[in-house]
Amino acid sequence: MKKILNYTLGMCLLTCAACDEDGTDTVLKAGADSHLTASKAEIVLTMETAAETAVVFERTDADYGFASAVTYRLEVDKKSDNFESPRTLVLDANPEVTLTVSQLNDMMLAEELSGEAAADVVVRIRADVSSFVASRYSNTVELKVTPYIAEPPYLTIYQVGDAAEFGWDANAASPMFRSAADNFTYTFTGHLNAGQLKILANRGQWAPMWGVNGSDVFFRETEADPDPGAFMVGSAGYYTFSLDILKMNYTLESYDEAGAPDYASVNIAGDFSGWALIAMANTVSNPHVWTLDYTFEADAAFKFVADGWAAQWGTVGVGDKLYGTAVPAGNDDKIEVTAGSYTLVFNDLTKQFLLIPQE
């Protein structure tokens, strides 16, 4: 019975889709497709202009030969895919469609386009009046779009060299903390030795790597590329070293740790442990950086806890990132983590933390 009703409804839409108020039949006609135009043909997207307008599309209404509610969608795809799996945006009645830089960039990255490289993109309007009537499409507009990289591909990056805690051992390289304010900037606040410092993208691998060429930051993408010079630390002491891998600049500044507490222990605790304290470990060289390899059997939330319960840190509200800066914790301020094995890293000087998934 359901199939018969669906068939009958479909035939009504295809032939006499509806009746006007005066009782006359409304017949579905061929009509005309929507027409689409764009305000630009070439678009360069930048993070600095993320909130600004990237492009404005204007469309005409599709004509079905009778008055009917039509759903319009904007479809965006790589030209090479030719709308096989487009990004879609449901539109309102306004014939003018404005995409911000961040909206268009998100679409481009979802299409797996490379950042900072121009790509050919196609855009069209899809119009639908009923599931029983084939979709109709506008003309295709071609654009050349250069997206930007919204997120770096590295959760953390690693220090090696004479100045680093574990020297030139790439397998033991020390992680840096990703900035919560600028996710392309990585920092380390702690003790550095006098000597050379280079930065690895992945522990145990000598490329990608960052160093210097004269006073400029130099990126070594593969091991076939030239080995860069090293960042230099003039004397042993406490420093904050920061590296921006997007703008390719760095700073090395002395850090005064004299007034910082020297905690005898830092732990994690939460419902998953029955609020028992699970100890983290530090080193003589860097007593303010604490690490722990731990497997969470289920999704969990935890706090960092120092010297019994003398101090505790979490995040404000819900914190579900793998990095961030913790704050003094109330009852509900916890760091959330999904089930899995991690290396947890916490710096009690800056309160920065990392949850590095273990492979």
Protein backbone atom coordinates (compact mmCIF):
# COMPACT_ATOMS: atom_id res chain seq x y z
CA MET A 1 0.00 0.00 0.00
CA LYS A 2 2.84 2.42 0.88
CA LYS A 3 4.49 1.86 -2.52
CA ILE A 4 1.18 2.52 -4.29
CA LEU A 5 0.69 5.77 -2.39
CA ASN A 6 4.24 6.93 -3.14
CA TYR A 7 3.81 6.12 -6.82
CA THR A 8 0.50 7.96 -6.95
CA LEU A 9 2.00 11.00 -5.25
CA GLY A 10 4.94 10.99 -7.64
CA MET A 11 2.68 10.88 -10.67
CA CYS A 12 0.65 13.76 -9.30
CA LEU A 13 3.79 15.86 -8.94
CA LEU A 14 4.96 15.01 -12.42
CA THR A 15 1.67 15.73 -14.13
CA CYS A 16 -0.72 17.90 -12.17
CA ALA A 17 1.55 18.67 -9.21
CA ALA A 18 -1.09 20.81 -7.44
CA CYS A 19 -4.26 22.77 -7.90
CA ASP A 20 -4.46 26.53 -7.56
CA GLU A 21 -6.94 28.07 -5.15
CA ASP A 22 -9.34 28.65 -8.03
CA GLY A 23 -9.34 24.90 -8.76
CA THR A 24 -7.29 24.99 -11.97
CA ASP A 25 -4.60 22.37 -12.47
CA THR A 26 -0.92 23.41 -12.20
CA VAL A 27 1.19 21.49 -14.72
CA LEU A 28 4.95 20.91 -14.22
CA LYS A 29 6.68 22.45 -17.22
CA ALA A 30 10.26 22.44 -18.46
CA GLY A 31 10.89 26.00 -17.25
CA ALA A 32 14.39 27.41 -16.88
CA ASP A 33 17.36 26.50 -14.71
CA SER A 34 18.91 28.84 -12.16
CA HIS A 35 21.80 31.00 -13.38
CA LEU A 36 24.87 31.62 -11.20
CA THR A 37 27.52 34.38 -11.27
CA ALA A 38 30.47 35.10 -8.97
CA SER A 39 31.99 38.42 -7.91
CA LYS A 40 35.55 37.06 -8.38
CA ALA A 41 37.30 34.48 -10.51
CA GLU A 42 40.54 34.27 -8.53
CA ILE A 43 40.53 34.26 -4.72
CA VAL A 44 43.49 34.19 -2.33
CA LEU A 45 42.40 33.32 1.21
CA THR A 46 44.40 34.41 4.27
CA MET A 47 44.03 33.78 7.98
CA GLU A 48 44.25 37.52 8.69
CA THR A 49 41.10 38.17 6.64
CA ALA A 50 39.14 35.14 7.87
CA ALA A 51 36.05 37.16 8.85
CA GLU A 52 35.92 39.18 5.63
CA THR A 53 33.95 38.40 2.47
CA ALA A 54 35.71 36.03 0.08
CA VAL A 55 33.20 35.94 -2.75
CA VAL A 56 29.59 36.85 -3.48
CA PHE A 57 27.47 34.60 -5.69
CA GLU A 58 24.22 35.70 -7.30
CA ARG A 59 21.62 33.26 -8.54
CA THR A 60 18.33 33.47 -10.37
CA ASP A 61 15.37 31.32 -9.40
CA ALA A 62 14.70 28.11 -11.26
CA ASP A 63 11.39 28.19 -13.16
CA TYR A 64 9.25 25.08 -12.80
CA GLY A 65 6.26 26.57 -14.58
CA PHE A 66 4.25 26.95 -11.40
CA ALA A 67 4.64 28.49 -7.96
CA SER A 68 6.31 26.01 -5.61
CA ALA A 69 8.74 25.91 -2.71
CA VAL A 70 12.22 25.24 -4.10
CA THR A 71 15.24 24.25 -2.04
CA TYR A 72 18.49 25.69 -3.33
CA ARG A 73 21.94 24.38 -2.49
CA LEU A 74 25.34 25.77 -3.35
CA GLU A 75 27.70 22.96 -4.44
CA VAL A 76 31.48 23.44 -4.39
CA ASP A 77 34.01 20.88 -5.58
CA LYS A 78 37.46 20.43 -7.05
CA LYS A 79 37.32 20.79 -10.81
CA SER A 80 39.02 17.41 -11.21
CA ASP A 81 36.20 15.71 -9.21
CA ASN A 82 33.43 17.40 -11.22
CA PHE A 83 30.84 17.41 -8.41
CA GLU A 84 31.30 13.74 -7.48
CA SER A 85 31.41 14.63 -3.77
CA PRO A 86 30.81 18.38 -3.43
CA ARG A 87 30.60 20.46 -0.27
CA THR A 88 27.03 21.74 -0.04
CA LEU A 89 25.42 24.73 1.60
CA VAL A 90 21.64 25.00 1.90
CA LEU A 91 20.54 28.50 0.91
CA ASP A 92 17.73 30.76 2.03
CA ALA A 93 15.47 32.76 -0.29
CA ASN A 94 18.05 35.51 -0.78
CA PRO A 95 19.41 35.27 -4.35
CA GLU A 96 22.73 36.70 -3.12
CA VAL A 97 25.07 34.20 -1.42
CA THR A 98 28.05 35.54 0.52
CA LEU A 99 30.88 33.28 1.70
CA THR A 100 33.42 34.53 4.19
CA VAL A 101 37.09 33.70 3.86
CA SER A 102 36.88 31.16 6.69
CA GLN A 103 33.76 29.50 5.22
CA LEU A 104 35.32 29.07 1.80
CA ASN A 105 38.62 27.98 3.32
CA ASP A 106 36.88 25.28 5.37
CA MET A 107 35.24 24.00 2.19
CA MET A 108 38.58 23.93 0.38
CA LEU A 109 40.34 22.06 3.16
CA ALA A 110 37.43 19.60 3.37
CA GLU A 111 38.07 18.94 -0.33
CA GLU A 112 41.68 18.13 0.68
CA LEU A 113 43.19 21.00 -1.28
CA SER A 114 46.75 21.90 -0.35
CA GLY A 115 47.23 25.08 1.63
CA GLU A 116 49.05 28.01 0.02
CA ALA A 117 48.60 26.59 -3.50
CA ALA A 118 46.11 27.75 -6.15
CA ALA A 119 43.54 25.14 -7.21
CA ASP A 120 40.75 24.98 -9.77
CA VAL A 121 37.30 24.87 -8.18
CA VAL A 122 33.80 24.53 -9.65
CA VAL A 123 30.59 25.94 -8.17
CA ARG A 124 26.95 25.51 -9.14
CA ILE A 125 23.40 25.77 -7.79
CA ARG A 126 21.29 22.66 -7.25
CA ALA A 127 17.52 23.19 -7.15
CA ASP A 128 15.04 20.67 -5.74
CA VAL A 129 11.25 20.87 -5.67
CA SER A 130 10.46 17.28 -4.70
CA SER A 131 12.10 13.93 -4.17
CA PHE A 132 10.02 12.75 -7.14
CA VAL A 133 11.48 15.35 -9.50
CA ALA A 134 15.07 15.22 -10.69
CA SER A 135 17.38 17.92 -9.31
CA ARG A 136 18.11 20.79 -11.65
CA TYR A 137 21.44 22.55 -11.88
CA SER A 138 22.65 25.98 -12.83
CA ASN A 139 25.57 26.75 -15.08
CA THR A 140 28.99 25.92 -13.61
CA VAL A 141 31.20 28.77 -12.38
CA GLU A 142 34.95 28.10 -12.34
CA LEU A 143 37.20 29.70 -9.71
CA LYS A 144 40.88 29.58 -8.89
CA VAL A 145 41.19 29.50 -5.10
CA THR A 146 44.28 29.58 -2.88
CA PRO A 147 43.37 28.35 0.62
CA TYR A 148 45.40 28.85 3.77
CA ILE A 149 46.36 26.26 6.35
CA ALA A 150 44.06 26.70 9.34
CA GLU A 151 45.74 24.08 11.52
CA PRO A 152 49.34 22.90 11.59
CA PRO A 153 49.80 19.18 10.99
CA TYR A 154 51.75 18.72 14.24
CA LEU A 155 50.28 18.44 17.73
CA THR A 156 53.74 19.07 19.10
CA ILE A 157 57.30 19.47 17.83
CA TYR A 158 60.51 18.32 19.52
CA GLN A 159 63.87 19.75 20.68
CA VAL A 160 67.23 18.09 20.04
CA GLY A 161 70.80 19.32 20.37
CA ASP A 162 73.45 20.18 22.96
CA ALA A 163 71.01 22.64 24.51
CA ALA A 164 68.17 20.12 24.84
CA GLU A 165 67.69 17.94 27.89
CA PHE A 166 68.42 14.66 26.10
CA GLY A 167 71.04 15.95 23.67
CA TRP A 168 71.06 14.74 20.06
CA ASP A 169 69.02 11.59 20.73
CA ALA A 170 66.13 12.08 18.28
CA ASN A 171 64.19 9.22 19.88
CA ALA A 172 64.20 11.02 23.24
CA ALA A 173 63.61 14.54 21.86
CA SER A 174 61.76 16.89 24.25
CA PRO A 175 58.25 18.02 23.25
CA MET A 176 57.31 21.67 22.98
CA PHE A 177 53.89 23.02 23.95
CA ARG A 178 51.45 24.31 21.37
CA SER A 179 50.14 27.79 22.10
CA ALA A 180 46.44 28.02 22.94
CA ALA A 181 46.39 31.59 21.56
CA ASP A 182 48.21 30.88 18.27
CA ASN A 183 48.17 27.26 17.21
CA PHE A 184 51.12 27.68 14.82
CA THR A 185 53.37 28.76 17.69
CA TYR A 186 55.11 26.21 19.90
CA THR A 187 56.87 27.13 23.13
CA PHE A 188 59.08 25.57 25.75
CA THR A 189 59.73 27.16 29.12
CA GLY A 190 62.36 25.39 31.16
CA HIS A 191 66.05 24.70 31.53
CA LEU A 192 68.29 24.69 28.47
CA ASN A 193 71.98 23.93 28.32
CA ALA A 194 74.49 26.09 26.47
CA GLY A 195 74.81 24.94 22.88
CA GLN A 196 72.88 24.11 19.75
CA LEU A 197 69.17 23.51 19.39
CA LYS A 198 67.20 22.13 16.42
CA ILE A 199 63.51 21.30 16.20
CA LEU A 200 62.05 18.08 14.80
CA ALA A 201 58.50 17.64 13.53
CA ASN A 202 58.45 14.00 14.67
CA ARG A 203 60.40 12.25 17.38
CA GLY A 204 63.01 9.91 15.91
CA GLN A 205 63.00 11.53 12.44
CA TRP A 206 65.48 14.12 11.19
CA ALA A 207 63.05 15.66 8.75
CA PRO A 208 60.94 17.71 8.72
CA MET A 209 63.19 19.96 10.82
CA TRP A 210 63.54 23.63 11.70
CA GLY A 211 66.80 25.46 12.20
CA VAL A 212 68.31 28.69 10.95
CA ASN A 213 69.97 30.07 7.87
CA GLY A 214 71.78 33.11 9.15
CA SER A 215 69.18 34.95 11.21
CA ASP A 216 66.20 33.41 9.36
CA VAL A 217 64.27 30.31 10.34
CA PHE A 218 64.96 27.54 7.82
CA PHE A 219 62.64 24.59 7.18
CA ARG A 220 64.08 21.28 6.09
CA GLU A 221 61.18 19.34 4.58
CA THR A 222 62.96 16.08 3.69
CA GLU A 223 66.31 14.51 4.51
CA ALA A 224 67.35 15.21 0.92
CA ASP A 225 67.17 18.95 1.70
CA PRO A 226 70.13 20.83 3.22
CA ASP A 227 70.64 20.49 6.95
CA PRO A 228 69.88 23.86 8.60
CA GLY A 229 72.03 25.66 11.10
CA ALA A 230 71.14 25.49 14.78
CA PHE A 231 69.46 27.90 17.14
CA MET A 232 72.11 28.90 19.68
CA VAL A 233 71.74 29.10 23.47
CA GLY A 234 74.59 31.18 24.86
CA SER A 235 74.60 29.93 28.43
CA ALA A 236 72.80 27.39 30.58
CA GLY A 237 69.68 28.65 32.34
CA TYR A 238 65.93 28.98 32.22
CA TYR A 239 64.44 30.24 28.96
CA THR A 240 61.26 30.49 26.96
CA PHE A 241 61.93 29.37 23.40
CA SER A 242 59.11 30.03 20.91
CA LEU A 243 58.88 29.00 17.26
CA ASP A 244 56.15 30.15 14.86
CA ILE A 245 56.16 27.63 11.99
CA LEU A 246 53.77 29.71 9.88
CA LYS A 247 55.45 33.10 10.06
CA MET A 248 58.84 31.40 10.38
CA ASN A 249 60.20 33.40 13.28
CA TYR A 250 61.44 32.54 16.77
CA THR A 251 62.33 34.11 20.12
CA LEU A 252 64.65 32.98 22.90
CA GLU A 253 64.15 34.89 26.15
CA SER A 254 65.47 34.39 29.67
CA TYR A 255 62.88 33.18 32.18
CA ASP A 256 62.99 33.97 35.90
CA GLU A 257 61.85 30.86 37.77
CA ALA A 258 63.14 32.01 41.16
CA GLY A 259 59.65 32.61 42.61
CA ALA A 260 58.07 29.47 41.19
CA PRO A 261 56.99 26.70 43.62
CA ASP A 262 59.09 23.55 43.63
CA TYR A 263 56.52 20.79 43.79
CA ALA A 264 57.54 17.47 45.28
CA SER A 265 54.92 15.66 43.19
CA VAL A 266 52.44 16.24 40.38
CA ASN A 267 49.73 13.66 39.69
CA ILE A 268 46.58 13.12 37.68
CA ALA A 269 43.29 12.15 39.28
CA GLY A 270 39.62 11.79 38.34
CA ASP A 271 36.58 9.56 38.48
CA PHE A 272 38.45 7.02 36.34
CA SER A 273 40.93 6.46 39.22
CA GLY A 274 38.42 6.82 42.04
CA TRP A 275 40.27 10.10 42.67
CA ALA A 276 43.39 8.17 43.63
CA LEU A 277 46.54 10.10 42.67
CA ILE A 278 48.54 8.70 39.75
CA ALA A 279 52.09 10.02 39.86
CA MET A 280 53.84 11.80 37.01
CA ALA A 281 57.64 11.98 36.76
CA ASN A 282 60.08 14.86 36.33
CA THR A 283 63.85 15.01 35.87
CA VAL A 284 66.72 16.69 37.67
CA SER A 285 67.43 18.81 34.57
CA ASN A 286 63.82 19.97 34.18
CA PRO A 287 62.04 19.58 37.53
CA HIS A 288 59.06 21.67 36.37
CA VAL A 289 58.13 19.44 33.42
CA TRP A 290 56.18 16.31 34.34
CA THR A 291 55.35 13.32 32.12
CA LEU A 292 53.29 10.14 32.36
CA ASP A 293 52.48 7.35 29.93
CA TYR A 294 48.93 6.26 30.68
CA THR A 295 46.10 4.30 29.08
CA PHE A 296 42.54 5.49 29.65
CA GLU A 297 40.30 2.46 29.27
CA ALA A 298 37.26 4.68 28.62
CA ASP A 299 36.55 8.34 27.96
CA ALA A 300 37.57 10.25 31.07
CA ALA A 301 38.15 13.64 32.67
CA PHE A 302 41.02 14.47 35.00
CA LYS A 303 42.89 17.18 36.86
CA PHE A 304 46.55 17.81 37.47
CA VAL A 305 47.18 17.72 41.22
CA ALA A 306 50.34 18.86 43.06
CA ASP A 307 51.69 17.91 46.50
CA GLY A 308 48.68 15.90 47.60
CA TRP A 309 45.84 18.34 46.98
CA ALA A 310 47.79 21.53 47.69
CA ALA A 311 47.15 22.72 44.13
CA GLN A 312 45.03 21.43 41.28
CA TRP A 313 44.50 22.51 37.68
CA GLY A 314 42.00 21.79 34.95
CA THR A 315 40.24 23.76 32.22
CA VAL A 316 37.45 26.29 32.41
CA GLY A 317 34.22 24.61 31.30
CA VAL A 318 34.59 21.69 28.90
CA GLY A 319 38.12 21.10 27.67
CA ASP A 320 38.44 18.48 24.95
CA LYS A 321 41.65 19.50 23.17
CA LEU A 322 44.90 17.55 23.23
CA TYR A 323 46.75 20.70 24.30
CA GLY A 324 46.06 23.88 26.23
CA THR A 325 46.79 25.88 29.34
CA ALA A 326 45.27 24.68 32.60
CA VAL A 327 43.91 26.98 35.31
CA PRO A 328 43.32 26.54 39.05
CA ALA A 329 40.49 24.04 39.07
CA GLY A 330 37.10 24.12 40.71
CA ASN A 331 34.94 21.02 41.05
CA ASP A 332 33.87 21.03 37.39
CA ASP A 333 37.13 22.16 35.77
CA LYS A 334 38.55 19.00 34.23
CA ILE A 335 40.48 18.06 31.13
CA GLU A 336 38.55 15.63 28.96
CA VAL A 337 40.21 12.81 27.05
CA THR A 338 38.89 10.00 24.87
CA ALA A 339 39.83 6.40 25.57
CA GLY A 340 43.35 5.46 24.46
CA SER A 341 47.03 5.51 25.37
CA TYR A 342 48.78 8.85 25.77
CA THR A 343 51.95 10.52 26.92
CA LEU A 344 50.78 13.29 29.23
CA VAL A 345 53.08 16.30 29.65
CA PHE A 346 52.53 19.17 32.11
CA ASN A 347 54.66 22.26 32.76
CA ASP A 348 54.03 23.61 36.27
CA LEU A 349 55.67 26.94 35.37
CA THR A 350 53.30 27.84 32.52
CA LYS A 351 50.50 25.30 33.27
CA GLN A 352 50.65 24.18 29.63
CA PHE A 353 49.74 20.56 28.92
CA LEU A 354 49.92 18.04 26.10
CA LEU A 355 48.14 14.73 25.54
CA ILE A 356 50.25 12.98 22.91
CA PRO A 357 48.53 9.86 21.50
CA GLN A 358 50.78 6.81 21.49
CA GLU A 359 50.95 4.86 18.25
